PDB file of all heavy atoms in Angstrom:
ATOM      1  N   ARG A   1      27.479  75.533-101.458  1.00  0.00           N
ATOM      2  CA  ARG A   1      26.550  74.456-101.089  1.00  0.00           C
ATOM      3  C   ARG A   1      26.984  73.131-101.735  1.00  0.00           C
ATOM      4  O   ARG A   1      26.944  72.079-101.117  1.00  0.00           O
ATOM      5  CB  ARG A   1      25.140  74.809-101.515  1.00  0.00           C
ATOM      6  CG  ARG A   1      24.115  73.771-101.105  1.00  0.00           C
ATOM      7  CD  ARG A   1      22.728  74.209-101.442  1.00  0.00           C
ATOM      8  NE  ARG A   1      22.354  75.309-100.562  1.00  0.00           N
ATOM      9  CZ  ARG A   1      21.259  76.021-100.676  1.00  0.00           C
ATOM     10  NH1 ARG A   1      20.423  75.774-101.662  1.00  0.00           N
ATOM     11  NH2 ARG A   1      20.987  76.990 -99.843  1.00  0.00           N
ATOM     12  N   ASP A   2      27.403  73.180-103.008  1.00  0.00           N
ATOM     13  CA  ASP A   2      27.868  71.971-103.688  1.00  0.00           C
ATOM     14  C   ASP A   2      29.110  71.409-103.010  1.00  0.00           C
ATOM     15  O   ASP A   2      29.232  70.196-102.835  1.00  0.00           O
ATOM     16  CB  ASP A   2      28.189  72.266-105.154  1.00  0.00           C
ATOM     17  CG  ASP A   2      26.951  72.571-105.976  1.00  0.00           C
ATOM     18  OD1 ASP A   2      25.848  72.166-105.557  1.00  0.00           O
ATOM     19  OD2 ASP A   2      27.096  73.213-107.029  1.00  0.00           O
ATOM     20  N   LEU A   3      30.016  72.278-102.643  1.00  0.00           N
ATOM     21  CA  LEU A   3      31.245  71.823-101.983  1.00  0.00           C
ATOM     22  C   LEU A   3      30.947  71.226-100.614  1.00  0.00           C
ATOM     23  O   LEU A   3      31.562  70.237-100.212  1.00  0.00           O
ATOM     24  CB  LEU A   3      32.235  72.984-101.857  1.00  0.00           C
ATOM     25  CG  LEU A   3      32.798  73.502-103.182  1.00  0.00           C
ATOM     26  CD1 LEU A   3      33.672  74.718-102.936  1.00  0.00           C
ATOM     27  CD2 LEU A   3      33.555  72.428-103.911  1.00  0.00           C
ATOM     28  N   ALA A   4      29.982  71.795 -99.900  1.00  0.00           N
ATOM     29  CA  ALA A   4      29.606  71.252 -98.594  1.00  0.00           C
ATOM     30  C   ALA A   4      28.985  69.869 -98.753  1.00  0.00           C
ATOM     31  O   ALA A   4      29.257  68.964 -97.961  1.00  0.00           O
ATOM     32  CB  ALA A   4      28.633  72.194 -97.894  1.00  0.00           C
ATOM     33  N   ARG A   5      28.165  69.674 -99.768  1.00  0.00           N
ATOM     34  CA  ARG A   5      27.565  68.356-100.015  1.00  0.00           C
ATOM     35  C   ARG A   5      28.637  67.325-100.343  1.00  0.00           C
ATOM     36  O   ARG A   5      28.592  66.193 -99.855  1.00  0.00           O
ATOM     37  CB  ARG A   5      26.572  68.432-101.161  1.00  0.00           C
ATOM     38  CG  ARG A   5      25.265  69.041-100.778  1.00  0.00           C
ATOM     39  CD  ARG A   5      24.308  68.974-101.936  1.00  0.00           C
ATOM     40  NE  ARG A   5      23.101  69.725-101.641  1.00  0.00           N
ATOM     41  CZ  ARG A   5      22.280  70.223-102.538  1.00  0.00           C
ATOM     42  NH1 ARG A   5      22.534  70.048-103.809  1.00  0.00           N
ATOM     43  NH2 ARG A   5      21.206  70.885-102.185  1.00  0.00           N
ATOM     44  N   LEU A   6      29.585  67.700-101.183  1.00  0.00           N
ATOM     45  CA  LEU A   6      30.668  66.776-101.531  1.00  0.00           C
ATOM     46  C   LEU A   6      31.489  66.405-100.293  1.00  0.00           C
ATOM     47  O   LEU A   6      31.867  65.246-100.105  1.00  0.00           O
ATOM     48  CB  LEU A   6      31.577  67.391-102.600  1.00  0.00           C
ATOM     49  CG  LEU A   6      30.983  67.504-103.996  1.00  0.00           C
ATOM     50  CD1 LEU A   6      31.926  68.279-104.902  1.00  0.00           C
ATOM     51  CD2 LEU A   6      30.706  66.133-104.559  1.00  0.00           C
ATOM     52  N   ARG A   7      31.779  67.385 -99.475  1.00  0.00           N
ATOM     53  CA  ARG A   7      32.555  67.138 -98.258  1.00  0.00           C
ATOM     54  C   ARG A   7      31.789  66.213 -97.311  1.00  0.00           C
ATOM     55  O   ARG A   7      32.351  65.269 -96.758  1.00  0.00           O
ATOM     56  CB  ARG A   7      32.890  68.456 -97.564  1.00  0.00           C
ATOM     57  CG  ARG A   7      33.849  68.284 -96.412  1.00  0.00           C
ATOM     58  CD  ARG A   7      34.213  69.605 -95.744  1.00  0.00           C
ATOM     59  NE  ARG A   7      34.563  70.651 -96.690  1.00  0.00           N
ATOM     60  CZ  ARG A   7      33.888  71.804 -96.821  1.00  0.00           C
ATOM     61  NH1 ARG A   7      32.831  72.044 -96.085  1.00  0.00           N
ATOM     62  NH2 ARG A   7      34.285  72.704 -97.676  1.00  0.00           N
ATOM     63  N   ASN A   8      30.489  66.481 -97.144  1.00  0.00           N
ATOM     64  CA  ASN A   8      29.668  65.631 -96.281  1.00  0.00           C
ATOM     65  C   ASN A   8      29.606  64.203 -96.811  1.00  0.00           C
ATOM     66  O   ASN A   8      29.669  63.246 -96.046  1.00  0.00           O
ATOM     67  CB  ASN A   8      28.256  66.195 -96.151  1.00  0.00           C
ATOM     68  CG  ASN A   8      28.221  67.443 -95.297  1.00  0.00           C
ATOM     69  OD1 ASN A   8      29.145  67.707 -94.528  1.00  0.00           O
ATOM     70  ND2 ASN A   8      27.173  68.219 -95.448  1.00  0.00           N
ATOM     71  N   ARG A   9      29.482  64.063 -98.104  1.00  0.00           N
ATOM     72  CA  ARG A   9      29.429  62.732 -98.710  1.00  0.00           C
ATOM     73  C   ARG A   9      30.741  61.984 -98.468  1.00  0.00           C
ATOM     74  O   ARG A   9      30.743  60.801 -98.159  1.00  0.00           O
ATOM     75  CB  ARG A   9      29.163  62.865-100.207  1.00  0.00           C
ATOM     76  CG  ARG A   9      28.876  61.548-100.874  1.00  0.00           C
ATOM     77  CD  ARG A   9      28.515  61.743-102.315  1.00  0.00           C
ATOM     78  NE  ARG A   9      27.269  62.480-102.416  1.00  0.00           N
ATOM     79  CZ  ARG A   9      26.823  63.037-103.527  1.00  0.00           C
ATOM     80  NH1 ARG A   9      27.519  62.948-104.633  1.00  0.00           N
ATOM     81  NH2 ARG A   9      25.685  63.685-103.545  1.00  0.00           N
ATOM     82  N   ARG A  10      31.852  62.684 -98.613  1.00  0.00           N
ATOM     83  CA  ARG A  10      33.157  62.053 -98.357  1.00  0.00           C
ATOM     84  C   ARG A  10      33.318  61.663 -96.899  1.00  0.00           C
ATOM     85  O   ARG A  10      33.841  60.592 -96.591  1.00  0.00           O
ATOM     86  CB  ARG A  10      34.292  62.997 -98.748  1.00  0.00           C
ATOM     87  CG  ARG A  10      34.548  63.028-100.210  1.00  0.00           C
ATOM     88  CD  ARG A  10      35.811  63.803-100.496  1.00  0.00           C
ATOM     89  NE  ARG A  10      35.673  64.445-101.776  1.00  0.00           N
ATOM     90  CZ  ARG A  10      36.106  65.651-102.068  1.00  0.00           C
ATOM     91  NH1 ARG A  10      36.716  66.361-101.174  1.00  0.00           N
ATOM     92  NH2 ARG A  10      35.938  66.144-103.262  1.00  0.00           N
ATOM     93  N   VAL A  11      32.875  62.517 -96.006  1.00  0.00           N
ATOM     94  CA  VAL A  11      32.989  62.223 -94.569  1.00  0.00           C
ATOM     95  C   VAL A  11      32.148  61.007 -94.206  1.00  0.00           C
ATOM     96  O   VAL A  11      32.617  60.108 -93.499  1.00  0.00           O
ATOM     97  CB  VAL A  11      32.574  63.456 -93.726  1.00  0.00           C
ATOM     98  CG1 VAL A  11      32.407  63.101 -92.271  1.00  0.00           C
ATOM     99  CG2 VAL A  11      33.604  64.563 -93.884  1.00  0.00           C
ATOM    100  N   VAL A  12      30.930  60.945 -94.702  1.00  0.00           N
ATOM    101  CA  VAL A  12      30.057  59.804 -94.405  1.00  0.00           C
ATOM    102  C   VAL A  12      30.656  58.517 -94.972  1.00  0.00           C
ATOM    103  O   VAL A  12      30.695  57.486 -94.299  1.00  0.00           O
ATOM    104  CB  VAL A  12      28.632  60.050 -94.959  1.00  0.00           C
ATOM    105  CG1 VAL A  12      27.796  58.790 -94.901  1.00  0.00           C
ATOM    106  CG2 VAL A  12      27.970  61.168 -94.184  1.00  0.00           C
ATOM    107  N   ALA A  13      31.143  58.559 -96.197  1.00  0.00           N
ATOM    108  CA  ALA A  13      31.747  57.377 -96.804  1.00  0.00           C
ATOM    109  C   ALA A  13      32.982  56.928 -96.025  1.00  0.00           C
ATOM    110  O   ALA A  13      33.182  55.733 -95.796  1.00  0.00           O
ATOM    111  CB  ALA A  13      32.116  57.661 -98.256  1.00  0.00           C
ATOM    112  N   THR A  14      33.794  57.869 -95.581  1.00  0.00           N
ATOM    113  CA  THR A  14      34.988  57.532 -94.811  1.00  0.00           C
ATOM    114  C   THR A  14      34.623  56.907 -93.477  1.00  0.00           C
ATOM    115  O   THR A  14      35.206  55.898 -93.066  1.00  0.00           O
ATOM    116  CB  THR A  14      35.844  58.800 -94.583  1.00  0.00           C
ATOM    117  OG1 THR A  14      36.180  59.355 -95.858  1.00  0.00           O
ATOM    118  CG2 THR A  14      37.094  58.484 -93.818  1.00  0.00           C
ATOM    119  N   ILE A  15      33.639  57.467 -92.797  1.00  0.00           N
ATOM    120  CA  ILE A  15      33.210  56.917 -91.511  1.00  0.00           C
ATOM    121  C   ILE A  15      32.666  55.503 -91.685  1.00  0.00           C
ATOM    122  O   ILE A  15      32.963  54.602 -90.893  1.00  0.00           O
ATOM    123  CB  ILE A  15      32.167  57.843 -90.852  1.00  0.00           C
ATOM    124  CG1 ILE A  15      32.851  59.131 -90.390  1.00  0.00           C
ATOM    125  CG2 ILE A  15      31.477  57.158 -89.687  1.00  0.00           C
ATOM    126  CD1 ILE A  15      31.897  60.199 -89.904  1.00  0.00           C
ATOM    127  N   LEU A  16      31.880  55.274 -92.734  1.00  0.00           N
ATOM    128  CA  LEU A  16      31.344  53.936 -92.979  1.00  0.00           C
ATOM    129  C   LEU A  16      32.451  52.934 -93.281  1.00  0.00           C
ATOM    130  O   LEU A  16      32.425  51.800 -92.797  1.00  0.00           O
ATOM    131  CB  LEU A  16      30.341  53.974 -94.137  1.00  0.00           C
ATOM    132  CG  LEU A  16      29.005  54.630 -93.825  1.00  0.00           C
ATOM    133  CD1 LEU A  16      28.151  54.719 -95.089  1.00  0.00           C
ATOM    134  CD2 LEU A  16      28.273  53.861 -92.753  1.00  0.00           C
ATOM    135  N   LEU A  17      33.440  53.327 -94.064  1.00  0.00           N
ATOM    136  CA  LEU A  17      34.554  52.422 -94.358  1.00  0.00           C
ATOM    137  C   LEU A  17      35.371  52.104 -93.114  1.00  0.00           C
ATOM    138  O   LEU A  17      35.786  50.959 -92.906  1.00  0.00           O
ATOM    139  CB  LEU A  17      35.454  53.031 -95.437  1.00  0.00           C
ATOM    140  CG  LEU A  17      34.903  52.965 -96.851  1.00  0.00           C
ATOM    141  CD1 LEU A  17      35.799  53.738 -97.809  1.00  0.00           C
ATOM    142  CD2 LEU A  17      34.769  51.533 -97.305  1.00  0.00           C
ATOM    143  N   ILE A  18      35.596  53.098 -92.267  1.00  0.00           N
ATOM    144  CA  ILE A  18      36.339  52.865 -91.029  1.00  0.00           C
ATOM    145  C   ILE A  18      35.556  51.941 -90.110  1.00  0.00           C
ATOM    146  O   ILE A  18      36.107  51.002 -89.528  1.00  0.00           O
ATOM    147  CB  ILE A  18      36.670  54.199 -90.338  1.00  0.00           C
ATOM    148  CG1 ILE A  18      37.713  54.967 -91.152  1.00  0.00           C
ATOM    149  CG2 ILE A  18      37.164  53.977 -88.915  1.00  0.00           C
ATOM    150  CD1 ILE A  18      37.947  56.376 -90.683  1.00  0.00           C
ATOM    151  N   ALA A  19      34.252  52.164 -89.989  1.00  0.00           N
ATOM    152  CA  ALA A  19      33.419  51.309 -89.143  1.00  0.00           C
ATOM    153  C   ALA A  19      33.414  49.875 -89.655  1.00  0.00           C
ATOM    154  O   ALA A  19      33.520  48.922 -88.878  1.00  0.00           O
ATOM    155  CB  ALA A  19      31.996  51.860 -89.080  1.00  0.00           C
ATOM    156  N   LEU A  20      33.306  49.696 -90.952  1.00  0.00           N
ATOM    157  CA  LEU A  20      33.331  48.358 -91.534  1.00  0.00           C
ATOM    158  C   LEU A  20      34.676  47.676 -91.272  1.00  0.00           C
ATOM    159  O   LEU A  20      34.726  46.498 -90.903  1.00  0.00           O
ATOM    160  CB  LEU A  20      33.054  48.440 -93.037  1.00  0.00           C
ATOM    161  CG  LEU A  20      33.034  47.130 -93.793  1.00  0.00           C
ATOM    162  CD1 LEU A  20      31.883  46.259 -93.299  1.00  0.00           C
ATOM    163  CD2 LEU A  20      32.897  47.383 -95.273  1.00  0.00           C
ATOM    164  N   SER A  21      35.752  48.411 -91.433  1.00  0.00           N
ATOM    165  CA  SER A  21      37.080  47.856 -91.177  1.00  0.00           C
ATOM    166  C   SER A  21      37.240  47.441 -89.723  1.00  0.00           C
ATOM    167  O   SER A  21      37.778  46.370 -89.429  1.00  0.00           O
ATOM    168  CB  SER A  21      38.158  48.878 -91.543  1.00  0.00           C
ATOM    169  OG  SER A  21      38.054  49.243 -92.885  1.00  0.00           O
ATOM    170  N   VAL A  22      36.779  48.276 -88.817  1.00  0.00           N
ATOM    171  CA  VAL A  22      36.875  47.960 -87.389  1.00  0.00           C
ATOM    172  C   VAL A  22      36.079  46.704 -87.069  1.00  0.00           C
ATOM    173  O   VAL A  22      36.543  45.830 -86.326  1.00  0.00           O
ATOM    174  CB  VAL A  22      36.396  49.154 -86.539  1.00  0.00           C
ATOM    175  CG1 VAL A  22      36.186  48.769 -85.089  1.00  0.00           C
ATOM    176  CG2 VAL A  22      37.398  50.296 -86.646  1.00  0.00           C
ATOM    177  N   MET A  23      34.888  46.575 -87.640  1.00  0.00           N
ATOM    178  CA  MET A  23      34.070  45.390 -87.368  1.00  0.00           C
ATOM    179  C   MET A  23      34.712  44.119 -87.916  1.00  0.00           C
ATOM    180  O   MET A  23      34.679  43.071 -87.269  1.00  0.00           O
ATOM    181  CB  MET A  23      32.661  45.571 -87.941  1.00  0.00           C
ATOM    182  CG  MET A  23      31.817  46.541 -87.154  1.00  0.00           C
ATOM    183  SD  MET A  23      30.107  46.590 -87.678  1.00  0.00           S
ATOM    184  CE  MET A  23      30.261  47.492 -89.204  1.00  0.00           C
ATOM    185  N   VAL A  24      35.314  44.194 -89.093  1.00  0.00           N
ATOM    186  CA  VAL A  24      35.977  43.024 -89.669  1.00  0.00           C
ATOM    187  C   VAL A  24      37.176  42.619 -88.827  1.00  0.00           C
ATOM    188  O   VAL A  24      37.361  41.443 -88.494  1.00  0.00           O
ATOM    189  CB  VAL A  24      36.398  43.313 -91.131  1.00  0.00           C
ATOM    190  CG1 VAL A  24      37.336  42.247 -91.644  1.00  0.00           C
ATOM    191  CG2 VAL A  24      35.176  43.411 -92.020  1.00  0.00           C
ATOM    192  N   VAL A  25      38.007  43.581 -88.444  1.00  0.00           N
ATOM    193  CA  VAL A  25      39.184  43.275 -87.634  1.00  0.00           C
ATOM    194  C   VAL A  25      38.762  42.729 -86.271  1.00  0.00           C
ATOM    195  O   VAL A  25      39.335  41.756 -85.774  1.00  0.00           O
ATOM    196  CB  VAL A  25      40.081  44.523 -87.481  1.00  0.00           C
ATOM    197  CG1 VAL A  25      41.159  44.307 -86.436  1.00  0.00           C
ATOM    198  CG2 VAL A  25      40.692  44.884 -88.822  1.00  0.00           C
ATOM    199  N   ARG A  26      37.748  43.313 -85.676  1.00  0.00           N
ATOM    200  CA  ARG A  26      37.255  42.823 -84.386  1.00  0.00           C
ATOM    201  C   ARG A  26      36.773  41.388 -84.493  1.00  0.00           C
ATOM    202  O   ARG A  26      37.074  40.545 -83.651  1.00  0.00           O
ATOM    203  CB  ARG A  26      36.130  43.723 -83.888  1.00  0.00           C
ATOM    204  CG  ARG A  26      35.567  43.312 -82.560  1.00  0.00           C
ATOM    205  CD  ARG A  26      34.306  44.123 -82.247  1.00  0.00           C
ATOM    206  NE  ARG A  26      33.516  43.465 -81.246  1.00  0.00           N
ATOM    207  CZ  ARG A  26      32.617  42.512 -81.474  1.00  0.00           C
ATOM    208  NH1 ARG A  26      32.404  42.096 -82.697  1.00  0.00           N
ATOM    209  NH2 ARG A  26      31.937  41.964 -80.497  1.00  0.00           N
ATOM    210  N   ASP A  27      36.039  41.086 -85.555  1.00  0.00           N
ATOM    211  CA  ASP A  27      35.543  39.734 -85.763  1.00  0.00           C
ATOM    212  C   ASP A  27      36.701  38.745 -85.921  1.00  0.00           C
ATOM    213  O   ASP A  27      36.680  37.662 -85.339  1.00  0.00           O
ATOM    214  CB  ASP A  27      34.643  39.698 -86.994  1.00  0.00           C
ATOM    215  CG  ASP A  27      33.987  38.345 -87.191  1.00  0.00           C
ATOM    216  OD1 ASP A  27      33.374  37.851 -86.224  1.00  0.00           O
ATOM    217  OD2 ASP A  27      34.095  37.790 -88.296  1.00  0.00           O
ATOM    218  N   LEU A  28      37.707  39.128 -86.676  1.00  0.00           N
ATOM    219  CA  LEU A  28      38.868  38.251 -86.854  1.00  0.00           C
ATOM    220  C   LEU A  28      39.608  38.023 -85.542  1.00  0.00           C
ATOM    221  O   LEU A  28      40.011  36.899 -85.225  1.00  0.00           O
ATOM    222  CB  LEU A  28      39.822  38.841 -87.899  1.00  0.00           C
ATOM    223  CG  LEU A  28      39.312  38.835 -89.336  1.00  0.00           C
ATOM    224  CD1 LEU A  28      40.272  39.587 -90.224  1.00  0.00           C
ATOM    225  CD2 LEU A  28      39.113  37.423 -89.826  1.00  0.00           C
ATOM    226  N   LEU A  29      39.790  39.074 -84.767  1.00  0.00           N
ATOM    227  CA  LEU A  29      40.494  38.935 -83.493  1.00  0.00           C
ATOM    228  C   LEU A  29      39.710  38.077 -82.509  1.00  0.00           C
ATOM    229  O   LEU A  29      40.282  37.243 -81.806  1.00  0.00           O
ATOM    230  CB  LEU A  29      40.770  40.314 -82.892  1.00  0.00           C
ATOM    231  CG  LEU A  29      41.783  41.180 -83.641  1.00  0.00           C
ATOM    232  CD1 LEU A  29      41.868  42.561 -83.007  1.00  0.00           C
ATOM    233  CD2 LEU A  29      43.139  40.521 -83.683  1.00  0.00           C
ATOM    234  N   VAL A  30      38.398  38.255 -82.469  1.00  0.00           N
ATOM    235  CA  VAL A  30      37.578  37.463 -81.556  1.00  0.00           C
ATOM    236  C   VAL A  30      37.607  35.994 -81.960  1.00  0.00           C
ATOM    237  O   VAL A  30      37.716  35.111 -81.112  1.00  0.00           O
ATOM    238  CB  VAL A  30      36.127  38.006 -81.533  1.00  0.00           C
ATOM    239  CG1 VAL A  30      35.180  37.026 -80.865  1.00  0.00           C
ATOM    240  CG2 VAL A  30      36.096  39.337 -80.806  1.00  0.00           C
ATOM    241  N   ARG A  31      37.548  35.724 -83.262  1.00  0.00           N
ATOM    242  CA  ARG A  31      37.600  34.331 -83.704  1.00  0.00           C
ATOM    243  C   ARG A  31      38.966  33.709 -83.433  1.00  0.00           C
ATOM    244  O   ARG A  31      39.066  32.529 -83.131  1.00  0.00           O
ATOM    245  CB  ARG A  31      37.290  34.229 -85.195  1.00  0.00           C
ATOM    246  CG  ARG A  31      35.842  34.441 -85.510  1.00  0.00           C
ATOM    247  CD  ARG A  31      35.629  34.427 -87.000  1.00  0.00           C
ATOM    248  NE  ARG A  31      34.289  34.872 -87.324  1.00  0.00           N
ATOM    249  CZ  ARG A  31      33.417  34.117 -87.980  1.00  0.00           C
ATOM    250  NH1 ARG A  31      33.735  32.921 -88.364  1.00  0.00           N
ATOM    251  NH2 ARG A  31      32.228  34.591 -88.230  1.00  0.00           N
ATOM    252  N   ARG A  32      40.017  34.494 -83.551  1.00  0.00           N
ATOM    253  CA  ARG A  32      41.369  33.953 -83.379  1.00  0.00           C
ATOM    254  C   ARG A  32      41.700  33.756 -81.904  1.00  0.00           C
ATOM    255  O   ARG A  32      42.237  32.736 -81.512  1.00  0.00           O
ATOM    256  CB  ARG A  32      42.381  34.911 -84.035  1.00  0.00           C
ATOM    257  CG  ARG A  32      43.822  34.566 -83.818  1.00  0.00           C
ATOM    258  CD  ARG A  32      44.188  33.285 -84.566  1.00  0.00           C
ATOM    259  NE  ARG A  32      45.587  32.988 -84.466  1.00  0.00           N
ATOM    260  CZ  ARG A  32      46.126  32.189 -83.546  1.00  0.00           C
ATOM    261  NH1 ARG A  32      45.369  31.636 -82.637  1.00  0.00           N
ATOM    262  NH2 ARG A  32      47.410  31.946 -83.542  1.00  0.00           N
ATOM    263  N   TRP A  33      41.434  34.770 -81.083  1.00  0.00           N
ATOM    264  CA  TRP A  33      41.844  34.709 -79.687  1.00  0.00           C
ATOM    265  C   TRP A  33      40.672  34.708 -78.720  1.00  0.00           C
ATOM    266  O   TRP A  33      40.827  34.997 -77.542  1.00  0.00           O
ATOM    267  CB  TRP A  33      42.770  35.876 -79.358  1.00  0.00           C
ATOM    268  CG  TRP A  33      44.110  35.705 -79.985  1.00  0.00           C
ATOM    269  CD1 TRP A  33      45.034  34.788 -79.662  1.00  0.00           C
ATOM    270  CD2 TRP A  33      44.670  36.484 -81.048  1.00  0.00           C
ATOM    271  NE1 TRP A  33      46.136  34.936 -80.463  1.00  0.00           N
ATOM    272  CE2 TRP A  33      45.945  35.977 -81.322  1.00  0.00           C
ATOM    273  CE3 TRP A  33      44.210  37.570 -81.795  1.00  0.00           C
ATOM    274  CZ2 TRP A  33      46.759  36.499 -82.305  1.00  0.00           C
ATOM    275  CZ3 TRP A  33      45.030  38.086 -82.770  1.00  0.00           C
ATOM    276  CH2 TRP A  33      46.281  37.555 -83.018  1.00  0.00           C
ATOM    277  N   GLY A  34      39.496  34.405 -79.217  1.00  0.00           N
ATOM    278  CA  GLY A  34      38.312  34.374 -78.368  1.00  0.00           C
ATOM    279  C   GLY A  34      38.252  33.087 -77.551  1.00  0.00           C
ATOM    280  O   GLY A  34      39.175  32.274 -77.543  1.00  0.00           O
ATOM    281  N   PRO A  35      37.155  32.887 -76.842  1.00  0.00           N
ATOM    282  CA  PRO A  35      36.990  31.678 -76.060  1.00  0.00           C
ATOM    283  C   PRO A  35      37.050  30.434 -76.946  1.00  0.00           C
ATOM    284  O   PRO A  35      36.694  30.471 -78.119  1.00  0.00           O
ATOM    285  CB  PRO A  35      35.614  31.827 -75.415  1.00  0.00           C
ATOM    286  CG  PRO A  35      34.994  33.030 -75.992  1.00  0.00           C
ATOM    287  CD  PRO A  35      36.006  33.770 -76.771  1.00  0.00           C
ATOM    288  N   GLY A  36      37.460  29.323 -76.353  1.00  0.00           N
ATOM    289  CA  GLY A  36      37.700  28.107 -77.123  1.00  0.00           C
ATOM    290  C   GLY A  36      36.486  27.262 -77.395  1.00  0.00           C
ATOM    291  O   GLY A  36      36.606  26.061 -77.533  1.00  0.00           O
ATOM    292  N   ARG A  37      35.323  27.849 -77.512  1.00  0.00           N
ATOM    293  CA  ARG A  37      34.134  27.056 -77.800  1.00  0.00           C
ATOM    294  C   ARG A  37      34.101  26.694 -79.279  1.00  0.00           C
ATOM    295  O   ARG A  37      34.628  27.407 -80.127  1.00  0.00           O
ATOM    296  CB  ARG A  37      32.867  27.784 -77.397  1.00  0.00           C
ATOM    297  CG  ARG A  37      32.632  29.033 -78.181  1.00  0.00           C
ATOM    298  CD  ARG A  37      31.402  29.762 -77.688  1.00  0.00           C
ATOM    299  NE  ARG A  37      31.339  31.014 -78.416  1.00  0.00           N
ATOM    300  CZ  ARG A  37      30.254  31.483 -78.956  1.00  0.00           C
ATOM    301  NH1 ARG A  37      29.135  30.853 -78.820  1.00  0.00           N
ATOM    302  NH2 ARG A  37      30.284  32.615 -79.608  1.00  0.00           N
ATOM    303  N   ALA A  38      33.445  25.592 -79.570  1.00  0.00           N
ATOM    304  CA  ALA A  38      33.363  25.129 -80.955  1.00  0.00           C
ATOM    305  C   ALA A  38      32.407  26.019 -81.748  1.00  0.00           C
ATOM    306  O   ALA A  38      31.425  26.526 -81.218  1.00  0.00           O
ATOM    307  CB  ALA A  38      32.872  23.690 -80.983  1.00  0.00           C
ATOM    308  N   ALA A  39      32.709  26.161 -83.009  1.00  0.00           N
ATOM    309  CA  ALA A  39      31.850  26.969 -83.874  1.00  0.00           C
ATOM    310  C   ALA A  39      30.559  26.218 -84.145  1.00  0.00           C
ATOM    311  O   ALA A  39      30.533  24.994 -84.231  1.00  0.00           O
ATOM    312  CB  ALA A  39      32.579  27.269 -85.179  1.00  0.00           C
ATOM    313  N   ALA A  40      29.490  26.963 -84.284  1.00  0.00           N
ATOM    314  CA  ALA A  40      28.200  26.364 -84.590  1.00  0.00           C
ATOM    315  C   ALA A  40      28.210  25.831 -86.020  1.00  0.00           C
ATOM    316  O   ALA A  40      28.803  26.444 -86.909  1.00  0.00           O
ATOM    317  CB  ALA A  40      27.096  27.400 -84.424  1.00  0.00           C
ATOM    318  N   PRO A  41      27.576  24.702 -86.248  1.00  0.00           N
ATOM    319  CA  PRO A  41      27.557  24.162 -87.617  1.00  0.00           C
ATOM    320  C   PRO A  41      26.725  25.053 -88.536  1.00  0.00           C
ATOM    321  O   PRO A  41      25.752  25.674 -88.115  1.00  0.00           O
ATOM    322  CB  PRO A  41      26.927  22.784 -87.452  1.00  0.00           C
ATOM    323  CG  PRO A  41      26.149  22.868 -86.190  1.00  0.00           C
ATOM    324  CD  PRO A  41      26.874  23.851 -85.309  1.00  0.00           C
ATOM    325  N   ASP A  42      27.110  25.079 -89.792  1.00  0.00           N
ATOM    326  CA  ASP A  42      26.395  25.883 -90.758  1.00  0.00           C
ATOM    327  C   ASP A  42      25.121  25.199 -91.247  1.00  0.00           C
ATOM    328  O   ASP A  42      24.195  25.832 -91.717  1.00  0.00           O
ATOM    329  CB  ASP A  42      27.279  26.189 -91.966  1.00  0.00           C
ATOM    330  CG  ASP A  42      28.421  27.122 -91.599  1.00  0.00           C
ATOM    331  OD1 ASP A  42      28.277  27.824 -90.586  1.00  0.00           O
ATOM    332  OD2 ASP A  42      29.430  27.141 -92.310  1.00  0.00           O
ATOM    333  N   VAL A  43      25.091  23.891 -91.154  1.00  0.00           N
ATOM    334  CA  VAL A  43      23.968  23.133 -91.680  1.00  0.00           C
ATOM    335  C   VAL A  43      23.298  22.397 -90.522  1.00  0.00           C
ATOM    336  O   VAL A  43      23.954  21.829 -89.664  1.00  0.00           O
ATOM    337  CB  VAL A  43      24.451  22.099 -92.703  1.00  0.00           C
ATOM    338  CG1 VAL A  43      23.282  21.332 -93.295  1.00  0.00           C
ATOM    339  CG2 VAL A  43      25.236  22.783 -93.807  1.00  0.00           C
ATOM    340  N   THR A  44      21.989  22.421 -90.500  1.00  0.00           N
ATOM    341  CA  THR A  44      21.276  21.693 -89.459  1.00  0.00           C
ATOM    342  C   THR A  44      21.156  20.225 -89.867  1.00  0.00           C
ATOM    343  O   THR A  44      21.004  19.901 -91.043  1.00  0.00           O
ATOM    344  CB  THR A  44      19.874  22.281 -89.233  1.00  0.00           C
ATOM    345  OG1 THR A  44      19.157  22.247 -90.454  1.00  0.00           O
ATOM    346  CG2 THR A  44      19.962  23.707 -88.715  1.00  0.00           C
ATOM    347  N   ARG A  45      21.214  19.345 -88.911  1.00  0.00           N
ATOM    348  CA  ARG A  45      21.125  17.908 -89.180  1.00  0.00           C
ATOM    349  C   ARG A  45      19.797  17.384 -88.660  1.00  0.00           C
ATOM    350  O   ARG A  45      19.347  17.776 -87.601  1.00  0.00           O
ATOM    351  CB  ARG A  45      22.265  17.178 -88.475  1.00  0.00           C
ATOM    352  CG  ARG A  45      23.607  17.586 -88.994  1.00  0.00           C
ATOM    353  CD  ARG A  45      24.678  16.807 -88.287  1.00  0.00           C
ATOM    354  NE  ARG A  45      25.975  17.335 -88.708  1.00  0.00           N
ATOM    355  CZ  ARG A  45      27.074  17.187 -88.020  1.00  0.00           C
ATOM    356  NH1 ARG A  45      27.054  16.561 -86.871  1.00  0.00           N
ATOM    357  NH2 ARG A  45      28.190  17.672 -88.471  1.00  0.00           N
TER     358      ARG A  45
END
């Protein structure tokens, strides 16, 4: 039971890290090669 819990914890952590990596890379690719619209300002005027 202890070994199964450790394995499950490792699998969940690995899946979360892979998902986070995919989202970061996707965001970078979309910003680099996405549509040429201007970025929204960070501060309201």
